[in-house]
PDB file of all heavy atoms in Angstrom:
ATOM      1  N   PHE A   1       0.836  -1.195   0.000  1.00  0.00           N
ATOM      2  CA  PHE A   1       0.000   0.000   0.000  1.00  0.00           C
ATOM      3  C   PHE A   1       0.878   1.254   0.000  1.00  0.00           C
ATOM      4  O   PHE A   1       0.612   2.216  -0.737  1.00  0.00           O
ATOM      5  CB  PHE A   1      -0.911  -0.003   1.246  1.00  0.00           C
ATOM      6  CG  PHE A   1      -1.824   1.182   1.313  1.00  0.00           C
ATOM      7  CD1 PHE A   1      -3.072   1.163   0.703  1.00  0.00           C
ATOM      8  CD2 PHE A   1      -1.432   2.343   1.977  1.00  0.00           C
ATOM      9  CE1 PHE A   1      -3.919   2.262   0.764  1.00  0.00           C
ATOM     10  CE2 PHE A   1      -2.273   3.448   2.040  1.00  0.00           C
ATOM     11  CZ  PHE A   1      -3.519   3.412   1.428  1.00  0.00           C
ATOM     12  N   ALA A   2       1.926   1.255   0.812  1.00  0.00           N
ATOM     13  CA  ALA A   2       2.781   2.435   0.915  1.00  0.00           C
ATOM     14  C   ALA A   2       3.491   2.720  -0.412  1.00  0.00           C
ATOM     15  O   ALA A   2       3.553   3.869  -0.864  1.00  0.00           O
ATOM     16  CB  ALA A   2       3.801   2.241   2.029  1.00  0.00           C
ATOM     17  N   VAL A   3       4.010   1.659  -1.036  1.00  0.00           N
ATOM     18  CA  VAL A   3       4.733   1.849  -2.304  1.00  0.00           C
ATOM     19  C   VAL A   3       3.770   2.280  -3.405  1.00  0.00           C
ATOM     20  O   VAL A   3       4.050   3.192  -4.184  1.00  0.00           O
ATOM     21  CB  VAL A   3       5.469   0.548  -2.686  1.00  0.00           C
ATOM     22  CG1 VAL A   3       6.013   0.645  -4.117  1.00  0.00           C
ATOM     23  CG2 VAL A   3       6.594   0.278  -1.702  1.00  0.00           C
ATOM     24  N   THR A   4       2.618   1.621  -3.456  1.00  0.00           N
ATOM     25  CA  THR A   4       1.650   1.949  -4.508  1.00  0.00           C
ATOM     26  C   THR A   4       1.103   3.357  -4.335  1.00  0.00           C
ATOM     27  O   THR A   4       0.864   4.073  -5.316  1.00  0.00           O
ATOM     28  CB  THR A   4       0.499   0.939  -4.487  1.00  0.00           C
ATOM     29  OG1 THR A   4       1.020  -0.384  -4.623  1.00  0.00           O
ATOM     30  CG2 THR A   4      -0.480   1.205  -5.615  1.00  0.00           C
ATOM     31  N   ALA A   5       0.914   3.797  -3.088  1.00  0.00           N
ATOM     32  CA  ALA A   5       0.333   5.112  -2.829  1.00  0.00           C
ATOM     33  C   ALA A   5       1.217   6.245  -3.332  1.00  0.00           C
ATOM     34  O   ALA A   5       0.742   7.353  -3.559  1.00  0.00           O
ATOM     35  CB  ALA A   5       0.079   5.283  -1.333  1.00  0.00           C
ATOM     36  N   LEU A   6       2.503   5.968  -3.528  1.00  0.00           N
ATOM     37  CA  LEU A   6       3.376   7.011  -4.079  1.00  0.00           C
ATOM     38  C   LEU A   6       3.007   7.351  -5.517  1.00  0.00           C
ATOM     39  O   LEU A   6       3.083   8.508  -5.925  1.00  0.00           O
ATOM     40  CB  LEU A   6       4.841   6.553  -4.024  1.00  0.00           C
ATOM     41  CG  LEU A   6       5.483   6.460  -2.641  1.00  0.00           C
ATOM     42  CD1 LEU A   6       6.856   5.824  -2.764  1.00  0.00           C
ATOM     43  CD2 LEU A   6       5.583   7.835  -2.000  1.00  0.00           C
ATOM     44  N   PHE A   7       2.587   6.350  -6.285  1.00  0.00           N
ATOM     45  CA  PHE A   7       2.453   6.533  -7.725  1.00  0.00           C
ATOM     46  C   PHE A   7       1.005   6.504  -8.221  1.00  0.00           C
ATOM     47  O   PHE A   7       0.705   7.027  -9.286  1.00  0.00           O
ATOM     48  CB  PHE A   7       3.254   5.436  -8.459  1.00  0.00           C
ATOM     49  CG  PHE A   7       4.700   5.410  -8.063  1.00  0.00           C
ATOM     50  CD1 PHE A   7       5.155   4.489  -7.141  1.00  0.00           C
ATOM     51  CD2 PHE A   7       5.597   6.313  -8.599  1.00  0.00           C
ATOM     52  CE1 PHE A   7       6.483   4.448  -6.769  1.00  0.00           C
ATOM     53  CE2 PHE A   7       6.930   6.278  -8.234  1.00  0.00           C
ATOM     54  CZ  PHE A   7       7.386   5.357  -7.315  1.00  0.00           C
ATOM     55  N   ARG A   8       0.098   5.878  -7.457  1.00  0.00           N
ATOM     56  CA  ARG A   8      -1.292   5.781  -7.928  1.00  0.00           C
ATOM     57  C   ARG A   8      -2.198   5.501  -6.735  1.00  0.00           C
ATOM     58  O   ARG A   8      -1.717   5.277  -5.623  1.00  0.00           O
ATOM     59  CB  ARG A   8      -1.412   4.671  -8.968  1.00  0.00           C
ATOM     60  CG  ARG A   8      -1.144   3.276  -8.438  1.00  0.00           C
ATOM     61  CD  ARG A   8      -1.149   2.229  -9.552  1.00  0.00           C
ATOM     62  NE  ARG A   8      -0.049   2.494 -10.474  1.00  0.00           N
ATOM     63  CZ  ARG A   8       1.212   2.064 -10.260  1.00  0.00           C
ATOM     64  NH1 ARG A   8       1.501   1.374  -9.160  1.00  0.00           N
ATOM     65  NH2 ARG A   8       2.156   2.324 -11.120  1.00  0.00           N
ATOM     66  N   HIS A   9      -3.513   5.505  -7.011  1.00  0.00           N
ATOM     67  CA  HIS A   9      -4.472   5.133  -5.974  1.00  0.00           C
ATOM     68  C   HIS A   9      -4.505   3.604  -5.872  1.00  0.00           C
ATOM     69  O   HIS A   9      -4.754   2.919  -6.869  1.00  0.00           O
ATOM     70  CB  HIS A   9      -5.871   5.641  -6.330  1.00  0.00           C
ATOM     71  CG  HIS A   9      -5.963   7.147  -6.358  1.00  0.00           C
ATOM     72  ND1 HIS A   9      -5.727   7.932  -5.247  1.00  0.00           N
ATOM     73  CD2 HIS A   9      -6.286   7.996  -7.375  1.00  0.00           C
ATOM     74  CE1 HIS A   9      -5.890   9.201  -5.571  1.00  0.00           C
ATOM     75  NE2 HIS A   9      -6.225   9.273  -6.855  1.00  0.00           N
ATOM     76  N   PRO A  10      -4.266   3.028  -4.692  1.00  0.00           N
ATOM     77  CA  PRO A  10      -4.317   1.569  -4.552  1.00  0.00           C
ATOM     78  C   PRO A  10      -5.693   1.023  -4.937  1.00  0.00           C
ATOM     79  O   PRO A  10      -6.730   1.526  -4.455  1.00  0.00           O
ATOM     80  CB  PRO A  10      -4.016   1.343  -3.063  1.00  0.00           C
ATOM     81  CG  PRO A  10      -3.247   2.569  -2.649  1.00  0.00           C
ATOM     82  CD  PRO A  10      -3.834   3.685  -3.453  1.00  0.00           C
ATOM     83  N   LEU A  11      -5.689   0.049  -5.814  1.00  0.00           N
ATOM     84  CA  LEU A  11      -6.912  -0.592  -6.308  1.00  0.00           C
ATOM     85  C   LEU A  11      -7.865   0.411  -6.958  1.00  0.00           C
ATOM     86  O   LEU A  11      -9.067   0.183  -7.075  1.00  0.00           O
ATOM     87  CB  LEU A  11      -7.645  -1.316  -5.163  1.00  0.00           C
ATOM     88  CG  LEU A  11      -6.842  -2.408  -4.435  1.00  0.00           C
ATOM     89  CD1 LEU A  11      -7.658  -2.974  -3.276  1.00  0.00           C
ATOM     90  CD2 LEU A  11      -6.439  -3.504  -5.403  1.00  0.00           C
ATOM     91  N   GLY A  12      -7.332   1.568  -7.354  1.00  0.00           N
ATOM     92  CA  GLY A  12      -8.147   2.594  -8.005  1.00  0.00           C
ATOM     93  C   GLY A  12      -9.040   3.359  -7.061  1.00  0.00           C
ATOM     94  O   GLY A  12      -9.880   4.151  -7.517  1.00  0.00           O
ATOM     95  N   LEU A  13      -8.895   3.157  -5.747  1.00  0.00           N
ATOM     96  CA  LEU A  13      -9.730   3.829  -4.761  1.00  0.00           C
ATOM     97  C   LEU A  13      -9.130   5.191  -4.420  1.00  0.00           C
ATOM     98  O   LEU A  13      -7.940   5.290  -4.101  1.00  0.00           O
ATOM     99  CB  LEU A  13      -9.841   2.983  -3.489  1.00  0.00           C
ATOM    100  CG  LEU A  13     -10.434   1.580  -3.693  1.00  0.00           C
ATOM    101  CD1 LEU A  13     -10.397   0.791  -2.375  1.00  0.00           C
ATOM    102  CD2 LEU A  13     -11.856   1.673  -4.219  1.00  0.00           C
ATOM    103  N   PRO A  14      -9.907   6.266  -4.467  1.00  0.00           N
ATOM    104  CA  PRO A  14      -9.382   7.616  -4.187  1.00  0.00           C
ATOM    105  C   PRO A  14      -9.150   7.840  -2.699  1.00  0.00           C
ATOM    106  O   PRO A  14      -9.772   8.713  -2.069  1.00  0.00           O
ATOM    107  CB  PRO A  14     -10.472   8.528  -4.741  1.00  0.00           C
ATOM    108  CG  PRO A  14     -11.730   7.738  -4.611  1.00  0.00           C
ATOM    109  CD  PRO A  14     -11.344   6.297  -4.838  1.00  0.00           C
ATOM    110  N   ILE A  15      -8.273   7.068  -2.137  1.00  0.00           N
ATOM    111  CA  ILE A  15      -7.963   7.193  -0.717  1.00  0.00           C
ATOM    112  C   ILE A  15      -7.123   8.452  -0.514  1.00  0.00           C
ATOM    113  O   ILE A  15      -6.211   8.730  -1.305  1.00  0.00           O
ATOM    114  CB  ILE A  15      -7.204   5.946  -0.231  1.00  0.00           C
ATOM    115  CG1 ILE A  15      -8.045   4.684  -0.506  1.00  0.00           C
ATOM    116  CG2 ILE A  15      -6.840   6.056   1.244  1.00  0.00           C
ATOM    117  CD1 ILE A  15      -7.307   3.398  -0.225  1.00  0.00           C
ATOM    118  N   PRO A  16      -7.435   9.249   0.520  1.00  0.00           N
ATOM    119  CA  PRO A  16      -6.651  10.476   0.750  1.00  0.00           C
ATOM    120  C   PRO A  16      -5.164  10.176   0.923  1.00  0.00           C
ATOM    121  O   PRO A  16      -4.770   9.134   1.455  1.00  0.00           O
ATOM    122  CB  PRO A  16      -7.266  11.046   2.033  1.00  0.00           C
ATOM    123  CG  PRO A  16      -8.650  10.472   2.082  1.00  0.00           C
ATOM    124  CD  PRO A  16      -8.549   9.107   1.484  1.00  0.00           C
ATOM    125  N   HIS A  17      -4.374  11.133   0.449  1.00  0.00           N
ATOM    126  CA  HIS A  17      -2.917  11.060   0.557  1.00  0.00           C
ATOM    127  C   HIS A  17      -2.331   9.864  -0.189  1.00  0.00           C
ATOM    128  O   HIS A  17      -1.363   9.245   0.267  1.00  0.00           O
ATOM    129  CB  HIS A  17      -2.479  11.017   2.027  1.00  0.00           C
ATOM    130  CG  HIS A  17      -2.952  12.198   2.823  1.00  0.00           C
ATOM    131  ND1 HIS A  17      -2.479  13.478   2.632  1.00  0.00           N
ATOM    132  CD2 HIS A  17      -3.899  12.282   3.795  1.00  0.00           C
ATOM    133  CE1 HIS A  17      -3.103  14.307   3.465  1.00  0.00           C
ATOM    134  NE2 HIS A  17      -3.982  13.606   4.179  1.00  0.00           N
ATOM    135  N   THR A  18      -2.943   9.502  -1.277  1.00  0.00           N
ATOM    136  CA  THR A  18      -2.360   8.505  -2.178  1.00  0.00           C
ATOM    137  C   THR A  18      -2.147   9.155  -3.543  1.00  0.00           C
ATOM    138  O   THR A  18      -2.575  10.283  -3.784  1.00  0.00           O
ATOM    139  CB  THR A  18      -3.283   7.280  -2.315  1.00  0.00           C
ATOM    140  OG1 THR A  18      -4.564   7.692  -2.821  1.00  0.00           O
ATOM    141  CG2 THR A  18      -3.473   6.587  -0.967  1.00  0.00           C
ATOM    142  N   ALA A  19      -1.451   8.418  -4.447  1.00  0.00           N
ATOM    143  CA  ALA A  19      -1.064   8.969  -5.746  1.00  0.00           C
ATOM    144  C   ALA A  19      -0.317  10.308  -5.540  1.00  0.00           C
ATOM    145  O   ALA A  19      -0.618  11.325  -6.146  1.00  0.00           O
ATOM    146  CB  ALA A  19      -2.266   9.160  -6.667  1.00  0.00           C
ATOM    147  N   LEU A  20       0.657  10.261  -4.645  1.00  0.00           N
ATOM    148  CA  LEU A  20       1.329  11.503  -4.232  1.00  0.00           C
ATOM    149  C   LEU A  20       2.078  12.172  -5.378  1.00  0.00           C
ATOM    150  O   LEU A  20       2.001  13.397  -5.546  1.00  0.00           O
ATOM    151  CB  LEU A  20       2.298  11.196  -3.077  1.00  0.00           C
ATOM    152  CG  LEU A  20       1.652  10.694  -1.778  1.00  0.00           C
ATOM    153  CD1 LEU A  20       2.724  10.401  -0.742  1.00  0.00           C
ATOM    154  CD2 LEU A  20       0.656  11.710  -1.256  1.00  0.00           C
ATOM    155  N   ILE A  21       2.832  11.405  -6.138  1.00  0.00           N
ATOM    156  CA  ILE A  21       3.650  12.011  -7.200  1.00  0.00           C
ATOM    157  C   ILE A  21       2.787  12.639  -8.289  1.00  0.00           C
ATOM    158  O   ILE A  21       3.033  13.790  -8.674  1.00  0.00           O
ATOM    159  CB  ILE A  21       4.627  10.963  -7.772  1.00  0.00           C
ATOM    160  CG1 ILE A  21       5.672  10.605  -6.705  1.00  0.00           C
ATOM    161  CG2 ILE A  21       5.299  11.473  -9.039  1.00  0.00           C
ATOM    162  CD1 ILE A  21       6.660   9.552  -7.138  1.00  0.00           C
ATOM    163  N   PRO A  22       1.764  11.968  -8.832  1.00  0.00           N
ATOM    164  CA  PRO A  22       0.943  12.635  -9.846  1.00  0.00           C
ATOM    165  C   PRO A  22       0.216  13.870  -9.319  1.00  0.00           C
ATOM    166  O   PRO A  22       0.099  14.875 -10.024  1.00  0.00           O
ATOM    167  CB  PRO A  22      -0.050  11.546 -10.274  1.00  0.00           C
ATOM    168  CG  PRO A  22       0.598  10.263  -9.903  1.00  0.00           C
ATOM    169  CD  PRO A  22       1.377  10.555  -8.665  1.00  0.00           C
ATOM    170  N   ASN A  23      -0.284  13.785  -8.059  1.00  0.00           N
ATOM    171  CA  ASN A  23      -1.086  14.886  -7.529  1.00  0.00           C
ATOM    172  C   ASN A  23      -0.246  16.068  -7.049  1.00  0.00           C
ATOM    173  O   ASN A  23      -0.719  17.214  -7.058  1.00  0.00           O
ATOM    174  CB  ASN A  23      -1.961  14.388  -6.373  1.00  0.00           C
ATOM    175  CG  ASN A  23      -3.050  13.435  -6.852  1.00  0.00           C
ATOM    176  OD1 ASN A  23      -3.475  13.512  -8.011  1.00  0.00           O
ATOM    177  ND2 ASN A  23      -3.481  12.543  -5.991  1.00  0.00           N
ATOM    178  N   ARG A  24       0.959  15.787  -6.628  1.00  0.00           N
ATOM    179  CA  ARG A  24       1.782  16.853  -6.056  1.00  0.00           C
ATOM    180  C   ARG A  24       3.065  17.066  -6.858  1.00  0.00           C
ATOM    181  O   ARG A  24       4.092  17.480  -6.316  1.00  0.00           O
ATOM    182  CB  ARG A  24       2.110  16.521  -4.598  1.00  0.00           C
ATOM    183  CG  ARG A  24       0.879  16.142  -3.785  1.00  0.00           C
ATOM    184  CD  ARG A  24       1.188  16.050  -2.318  1.00  0.00           C
ATOM    185  NE  ARG A  24       1.477  17.364  -1.751  1.00  0.00           N
ATOM    186  CZ  ARG A  24       1.796  17.565  -0.465  1.00  0.00           C
ATOM    187  NH1 ARG A  24       1.855  16.534   0.364  1.00  0.00           N
ATOM    188  NH2 ARG A  24       2.050  18.775  -0.026  1.00  0.00           N
ATOM    189  N   LYS A  25       2.971  16.781  -8.149  1.00  0.00           N
ATOM    190  CA  LYS A  25       4.147  16.902  -9.023  1.00  0.00           C
ATOM    191  C   LYS A  25       4.714  18.325  -8.999  1.00  0.00           C
ATOM    192  O   LYS A  25       5.928  18.526  -8.837  1.00  0.00           O
ATOM    193  CB  LYS A  25       3.763  16.506 -10.456  1.00  0.00           C
ATOM    194  CG  LYS A  25       4.822  16.808 -11.505  1.00  0.00           C
ATOM    195  CD  LYS A  25       4.368  16.351 -12.853  1.00  0.00           C
ATOM    196  CE  LYS A  25       3.167  17.132 -13.345  1.00  0.00           C
ATOM    197  NZ  LYS A  25       3.492  18.562 -13.650  1.00  0.00           N
ATOM    198  N   ASN A  26       3.852  19.313  -9.178  1.00  0.00           N
ATOM    199  CA  ASN A  26       4.323  20.699  -9.236  1.00  0.00           C
ATOM    200  C   ASN A  26       4.916  21.147  -7.894  1.00  0.00           C
ATOM    201  O   ASN A  26       5.912  21.866  -7.853  1.00  0.00           O
ATOM    202  CB  ASN A  26       3.189  21.631  -9.640  1.00  0.00           C
ATOM    203  CG  ASN A  26       2.708  21.375 -11.060  1.00  0.00           C
ATOM    204  OD1 ASN A  26       3.424  20.772 -11.860  1.00  0.00           O
ATOM    205  ND2 ASN A  26       1.512  21.818 -11.389  1.00  0.00           N
ATOM    206  N   LEU A  27       4.276  20.704  -6.794  1.00  0.00           N
ATOM    207  CA  LEU A  27       4.799  21.054  -5.482  1.00  0.00           C
ATOM    208  C   LEU A  27       6.161  20.405  -5.247  1.00  0.00           C
ATOM    209  O   LEU A  27       7.070  21.028  -4.683  1.00  0.00           O
ATOM    210  CB  LEU A  27       3.812  20.620  -4.401  1.00  0.00           C
ATOM    211  CG  LEU A  27       4.213  20.935  -2.956  1.00  0.00           C
ATOM    212  CD1 LEU A  27       4.397  22.436  -2.778  1.00  0.00           C
ATOM    213  CD2 LEU A  27       3.176  20.391  -1.978  1.00  0.00           C
ATOM    214  N   LEU A  28       6.281  19.156  -5.714  1.00  0.00           N
ATOM    215  CA  LEU A  28       7.582  18.488  -5.599  1.00  0.00           C
ATOM    216  C   LEU A  28       8.636  19.212  -6.425  1.00  0.00           C
ATOM    217  O   LEU A  28       9.793  19.340  -6.009  1.00  0.00           O
ATOM    218  CB  LEU A  28       7.457  17.027  -6.057  1.00  0.00           C
ATOM    219  CG  LEU A  28       6.630  16.103  -5.158  1.00  0.00           C
ATOM    220  CD1 LEU A  28       6.469  14.739  -5.809  1.00  0.00           C
ATOM    221  CD2 LEU A  28       7.289  15.965  -3.795  1.00  0.00           C
ATOM    222  N   GLY A  29       8.244  19.698  -7.627  1.00  0.00           N
ATOM    223  CA  GLY A  29       9.188  20.456  -8.457  1.00  0.00           C
ATOM    224  C   GLY A  29       9.629  21.735  -7.769  1.00  0.00           C
ATOM    225  O   GLY A  29      10.809  22.092  -7.780  1.00  0.00           O
ATOM    226  N   ALA A  30       8.664  22.449  -7.153  1.00  0.00           N
ATOM    227  CA  ALA A  30       9.008  23.679  -6.433  1.00  0.00           C
ATOM    228  C   ALA A  30       9.912  23.373  -5.249  1.00  0.00           C
ATOM    229  O   ALA A  30      10.873  24.113  -4.970  1.00  0.00           O
ATOM    230  CB  ALA A  30       7.739  24.387  -5.983  1.00  0.00           C
ATOM    231  N   SER A  31       9.610  22.287  -4.534  1.00  0.00           N
ATOM    232  CA  SER A  31      10.438  21.910  -3.393  1.00  0.00           C
ATOM    233  C   SER A  31      11.845  21.530  -3.849  1.00  0.00           C
ATOM    234  O   SER A  31      12.838  21.888  -3.199  1.00  0.00           O
ATOM    235  CB  SER A  31       9.794  20.734  -2.644  1.00  0.00           C
ATOM    236  OG  SER A  31       8.507  21.093  -2.164  1.00  0.00           O
ATOM    237  N   LEU A  32      11.927  20.825  -4.982  1.00  0.00           N
ATOM    238  CA  LEU A  32      13.232  20.469  -5.517  1.00  0.00           C
ATOM    239  C   LEU A  32      14.013  21.723  -5.911  1.00  0.00           C
ATOM    240  O   LEU A  32      15.219  21.832  -5.663  1.00  0.00           O
ATOM    241  CB  LEU A  32      13.065  19.545  -6.729  1.00  0.00           C
ATOM    242  CG  LEU A  32      14.359  19.125  -7.434  1.00  0.00           C
ATOM    243  CD1 LEU A  32      15.264  18.360  -6.483  1.00  0.00           C
ATOM    244  CD2 LEU A  32      14.032  18.271  -8.667  1.00  0.00           C
ATOM    245  N   GLY A  33      13.295  22.676  -6.522  1.00  0.00           N
ATOM    246  CA  GLY A  33      13.952  23.930  -6.888  1.00  0.00           C
ATOM    247  C   GLY A  33      14.465  24.672  -5.664  1.00  0.00           C
ATOM    248  O   GLY A  33      15.589  25.188  -5.664  1.00  0.00           O
ATOM    249  N   ASP A  34      13.648  24.736  -4.605  1.00  0.00           N
ATOM    250  CA  ASP A  34      14.087  25.392  -3.373  1.00  0.00           C
ATOM    251  C   ASP A  34      15.286  24.670  -2.762  1.00  0.00           C
ATOM    252  O   ASP A  34      16.224  25.311  -2.257  1.00  0.00           O
ATOM    253  CB  ASP A  34      12.939  25.430  -2.359  1.00  0.00           C
ATOM    254  CG  ASP A  34      11.814  26.353  -2.806  1.00  0.00           C
ATOM    255  OD1 ASP A  34      12.083  27.250  -3.639  1.00  0.00           O
ATOM    256  OD2 ASP A  34      10.674  26.172  -2.330  1.00  0.00           O
ATOM    257  N   PHE A  35      15.251  23.353  -2.815  1.00  0.00           N
ATOM    258  CA  PHE A  35      16.363  22.576  -2.267  1.00  0.00           C
ATOM    259  C   PHE A  35      17.656  22.873  -3.021  1.00  0.00           C
ATOM    260  O   PHE A  35      18.711  23.110  -2.422  1.00  0.00           O
ATOM    261  CB  PHE A  35      16.030  21.085  -2.334  1.00  0.00           C
ATOM    262  CG  PHE A  35      17.164  20.197  -1.911  1.00  0.00           C
ATOM    263  CD1 PHE A  35      17.449  20.009  -0.572  1.00  0.00           C
ATOM    264  CD2 PHE A  35      17.954  19.565  -2.860  1.00  0.00           C
ATOM    265  CE1 PHE A  35      18.503  19.189  -0.176  1.00  0.00           C
ATOM    266  CE2 PHE A  35      19.003  18.745  -2.467  1.00  0.00           C
ATOM    267  CZ  PHE A  35      19.276  18.559  -1.128  1.00  0.00           C
ATOM    268  N   VAL A  36      17.571  22.870  -4.340  1.00  0.00           N
ATOM    269  CA  VAL A  36      18.757  23.161  -5.151  1.00  0.00           C
ATOM    270  C   VAL A  36      19.230  24.592  -4.918  1.00  0.00           C
ATOM    271  O   VAL A  36      20.433  24.866  -4.780  1.00  0.00           O
ATOM    272  CB  VAL A  36      18.449  22.936  -6.647  1.00  0.00           C
ATOM    273  CG1 VAL A  36      19.608  23.409  -7.522  1.00  0.00           C
ATOM    274  CG2 VAL A  36      18.172  21.462  -6.915  1.00  0.00           C
ATOM    275  N   GLY A  37      18.272  25.536  -4.847  1.00  0.00           N
ATOM    276  CA  GLY A  37      18.646  26.923  -4.643  1.00  0.00           C
ATOM    277  C   GLY A  37      19.323  27.162  -3.308  1.00  0.00           C
ATOM    278  O   GLY A  37      20.312  27.890  -3.217  1.00  0.00           O
ATOM    279  N   ASN A  38      18.824  26.528  -2.249  1.00  0.00           N
ATOM    280  CA  ASN A  38      19.373  26.759  -0.913  1.00  0.00           C
ATOM    281  C   ASN A  38      20.666  26.003  -0.668  1.00  0.00           C
ATOM    282  O   ASN A  38      21.504  26.452   0.126  1.00  0.00           O
ATOM    283  CB  ASN A  38      18.338  26.362   0.151  1.00  0.00           C
ATOM    284  CG  ASN A  38      17.121  27.264   0.116  1.00  0.00           C
ATOM    285  OD1 ASN A  38      17.208  28.428  -0.236  1.00  0.00           O
ATOM    286  ND2 ASN A  38      15.964  26.705   0.466  1.00  0.00           N
ATOM    287  N   ASN A  39      20.837  24.861  -1.310  1.00  0.00           N
ATOM    288  CA  ASN A  39      21.987  24.005  -1.009  1.00  0.00           C
ATOM    289  C   ASN A  39      23.048  23.976  -2.101  1.00  0.00           C
ATOM    290  O   ASN A  39      24.174  23.527  -1.840  1.00  0.00           O
ATOM    291  CB  ASN A  39      21.509  22.564  -0.746  1.00  0.00           C
ATOM    292  CG  ASN A  39      20.646  22.459   0.495  1.00  0.00           C
ATOM    293  OD1 ASN A  39      21.137  22.380   1.604  1.00  0.00           O
ATOM    294  ND2 ASN A  39      19.332  22.487   0.287  1.00  0.00           N
ATOM    295  N   PHE A  40      22.717  24.422  -3.311  1.00  0.00           N
ATOM    296  CA  PHE A  40      23.682  24.384  -4.404  1.00  0.00           C
ATOM    297  C   PHE A  40      23.932  25.752  -5.030  1.00  0.00           C
ATOM    298  O   PHE A  40      25.010  26.000  -5.556  1.00  0.00           O
ATOM    299  CB  PHE A  40      23.214  23.404  -5.494  1.00  0.00           C
ATOM    300  CG  PHE A  40      23.161  21.977  -5.050  1.00  0.00           C
ATOM    301  CD1 PHE A  40      21.991  21.446  -4.534  1.00  0.00           C
ATOM    302  CD2 PHE A  40      24.279  21.174  -5.115  1.00  0.00           C
ATOM    303  CE1 PHE A  40      21.928  20.133  -4.116  1.00  0.00           C
ATOM    304  CE2 PHE A  40      24.239  19.860  -4.693  1.00  0.00           C
ATOM    305  CZ  PHE A  40      23.059  19.331  -4.186  1.00  0.00           C
TER     306      PHE A  40
END
């Protein structure tokens, strides 16, 4: 469940806080940009 929830909804069920990468792609990109900006 934990591994699947990163990439999609387990069994296609819209369980909260699942499919993290597709749903929060832009936020992850912004966080990655901030990380690179602050540390590199």
